[in-house]
Amino acid sequence: MIVLSRRSQTEATPLSMTVDRSDPATALIRVGGDLAYTTAGPLRAEVDRVIADAPATLVLDFSDLIFIDSTGLGVIVHAWREGQQCGTALRLCAVPRFLETILDMTGVTGLLDRPLGEGPTAPTKGTAGTA
C-alpha cells in the first residue's frame, strides 16, 4: 500500500493592484499576483469605481499576473459588460500566454474583440432564441 502525505493547501499569492488615472480618458489598472476567488473582490470593486467615471478606455495590465481562475475571468467579463453599458472600451495589455490561452478557449477573446456598443442583444419580439 502506498500512502501519500497530504500537503497543506498553499494560500493564494496576494493580488497586487495599482491604478493610474493621470489621463482622464484612459484609466489603467495594473494587476499582479493571483486573480482568484479569494482575491478578486478588490479588483472588481476598483473596476466599478473606475467605470463609474466613464473614461473612454479602461486598460487592464496583466504583466505581473501569476494565476487566474474562473472568478478572475468573470471580473474581466464584468469589466467588459459594464464598459459596454457606459461607453468605456476595455483593453487588455501584457497578457501572459496562459491567460491568452484561457481567453481563447472560453470565447472571451471574441467577446473582447467586439466594437464598443456591440454587446449582447436580446432577441427581438417574434424571433425565436437559440438554446
Protein backbone atom coordinates (compact mmCIF):
# COMPACT_ATOMS: atom_id res chain seq x y z
CA MET A 1 0.00 0.00 0.00
CA ILE A 2 1.25 3.47 -0.93
CA VAL A 3 0.42 6.33 1.39
CA LEU A 4 0.72 9.86 0.10
CA SER A 5 1.08 12.59 2.64
CA ARG A 6 -1.33 15.45 2.45
CA ARG A 7 0.33 18.76 1.89
CA SER A 8 -1.38 21.74 3.34
CA GLN A 9 -3.01 23.92 0.75
CA THR A 10 -0.89 26.93 -0.02
CA GLU A 11 -2.63 30.23 0.12
CA ALA A 12 -3.08 32.36 -2.95
CA THR A 13 -0.43 34.91 -3.77
CA PRO A 14 -1.93 38.23 -2.75
CA LEU A 15 -3.40 40.32 -5.51
CA SER A 16 -1.46 43.47 -6.21
CA MET A 17 -3.11 46.34 -7.98
CA THR A 18 -2.12 49.86 -8.93
CA VAL A 19 -4.41 52.39 -10.54
CA ASP A 20 -3.27 55.20 -12.82
CA ARG A 21 -5.90 57.84 -13.56
CA SER A 22 -3.47 60.56 -14.70
CA ASP A 23 -5.11 60.55 -18.16
CA PRO A 24 -8.85 61.33 -17.75
CA ALA A 25 -9.64 59.50 -20.99
CA THR A 26 -7.80 56.29 -20.09
CA ALA A 27 -7.75 54.54 -16.75
CA LEU A 28 -5.03 51.93 -16.21
CA ILE A 29 -5.20 49.15 -13.64
CA ARG A 30 -2.06 47.02 -13.26
CA VAL A 31 -2.82 43.59 -11.82
CA GLY A 32 -0.32 41.18 -10.30
CA GLY A 33 -0.31 38.02 -8.21
CA ASP A 34 -3.28 35.65 -8.15
CA LEU A 35 -6.62 36.78 -9.54
CA ALA A 36 -8.81 34.14 -7.96
CA TYR A 37 -11.96 33.57 -5.91
CA THR A 38 -10.27 34.66 -2.69
CA THR A 39 -8.59 37.76 -4.17
CA ALA A 40 -10.83 39.09 -6.97
CA GLY A 41 -13.14 41.30 -4.87
CA PRO A 42 -10.89 44.36 -4.67
CA LEU A 43 -10.24 44.35 -8.43
CA ARG A 44 -13.95 44.07 -9.21
CA ALA A 45 -14.67 46.96 -6.83
CA GLU A 46 -11.94 49.09 -8.42
CA VAL A 47 -13.24 48.31 -11.92
CA ASP A 48 -16.68 49.50 -10.80
CA ARG A 49 -15.21 52.72 -9.33
CA VAL A 50 -13.22 53.46 -12.48
CA ILE A 51 -16.10 52.73 -14.86
CA ALA A 52 -18.43 54.95 -12.79
CA ASP A 53 -16.27 57.87 -14.01
CA ALA A 54 -16.89 56.71 -17.63
CA PRO A 55 -13.39 57.03 -19.10
CA ALA A 56 -13.16 56.38 -22.84
CA THR A 57 -10.90 53.38 -22.18
CA LEU A 58 -10.11 51.08 -19.28
CA VAL A 59 -6.82 49.21 -19.65
CA LEU A 60 -6.14 46.13 -17.56
CA ASP A 61 -2.40 45.42 -17.50
CA PHE A 62 -1.64 41.80 -16.57
CA SER A 63 2.16 41.96 -16.79
CA ASP A 64 2.59 40.67 -13.21
CA LEU A 65 -0.28 38.16 -13.18
CA ILE A 66 0.72 34.74 -11.84
CA PHE A 67 -2.60 32.86 -11.79
CA ILE A 68 -6.25 33.34 -12.73
CA ASP A 69 -9.31 31.21 -12.07
CA SER A 70 -12.91 31.42 -13.27
CA THR A 71 -13.73 34.18 -10.78
CA GLY A 72 -10.87 36.27 -12.14
CA LEU A 73 -12.08 35.59 -15.67
CA GLY A 74 -15.51 36.74 -14.51
CA VAL A 75 -14.03 40.07 -13.40
CA ILE A 76 -12.69 40.62 -16.93
CA VAL A 77 -16.10 39.83 -18.45
CA HIS A 78 -17.76 42.08 -15.85
CA ALA A 79 -15.43 44.95 -16.80
CA TRP A 80 -16.28 44.44 -20.48
CA ARG A 81 -20.05 44.29 -19.81
CA GLU A 82 -20.09 47.36 -17.56
CA GLY A 83 -17.92 49.24 -20.05
CA GLN A 84 -20.35 48.40 -22.85
CA GLN A 85 -23.18 49.92 -20.82
CA CYS A 86 -21.43 53.22 -20.13
CA GLY A 87 -19.34 53.64 -23.28
CA THR A 88 -15.95 52.60 -21.89
CA ALA A 89 -13.83 50.39 -24.13
CA LEU A 90 -11.89 47.61 -22.38
CA ARG A 91 -8.32 46.83 -23.44
CA LEU A 92 -6.08 44.15 -22.01
CA CYS A 93 -2.32 44.55 -22.22
CA ALA A 94 0.72 42.48 -21.26
CA VAL A 95 -1.45 39.37 -21.33
CA PRO A 96 0.58 36.31 -20.26
CA ARG A 97 0.41 33.27 -22.54
CA PHE A 98 -1.60 31.23 -20.01
CA LEU A 99 -4.26 33.95 -19.82
CA GLU A 100 -4.32 34.33 -23.59
CA THR A 101 -4.99 30.58 -23.86
CA ILE A 102 -7.81 30.75 -21.30
CA LEU A 103 -9.40 33.76 -23.03
CA ASP A 104 -9.28 31.92 -26.38
CA MET A 105 -10.60 28.61 -25.02
CA THR A 106 -13.53 30.25 -23.24
CA GLY A 107 -14.51 32.53 -26.13
CA VAL A 108 -13.78 35.68 -24.13
CA THR A 109 -11.28 36.84 -26.77
CA GLY A 110 -14.12 37.09 -29.29
CA LEU A 111 -16.25 38.96 -26.78
CA LEU A 112 -13.50 41.47 -26.07
CA ASP A 113 -12.89 41.98 -29.80
CA ARG A 114 -16.41 43.32 -30.30
CA PRO A 115 -16.52 47.05 -31.01
CA LEU A 116 -17.94 49.26 -28.30
CA GLY A 117 -21.72 49.17 -28.40
CA GLU A 118 -21.91 45.65 -29.85
CA GLY A 119 -22.69 43.90 -26.60
CA PRO A 120 -25.09 41.00 -26.31
CA THR A 121 -28.56 41.82 -27.53
CA ALA A 122 -31.88 40.31 -26.60
CA PRO A 123 -33.87 38.62 -29.35
CA THR A 124 -36.43 40.91 -30.96
CA LYS A 125 -40.09 40.21 -30.48
CA GLY A 126 -41.25 37.29 -32.56
CA THR A 127 -37.73 35.97 -33.08
CA ALA A 128 -37.03 32.59 -31.62
CA GLY A 129 -33.93 32.45 -29.47
CA THR A 130 -31.48 29.58 -29.60
CA ALA A 131 -30.51 27.46 -26.66
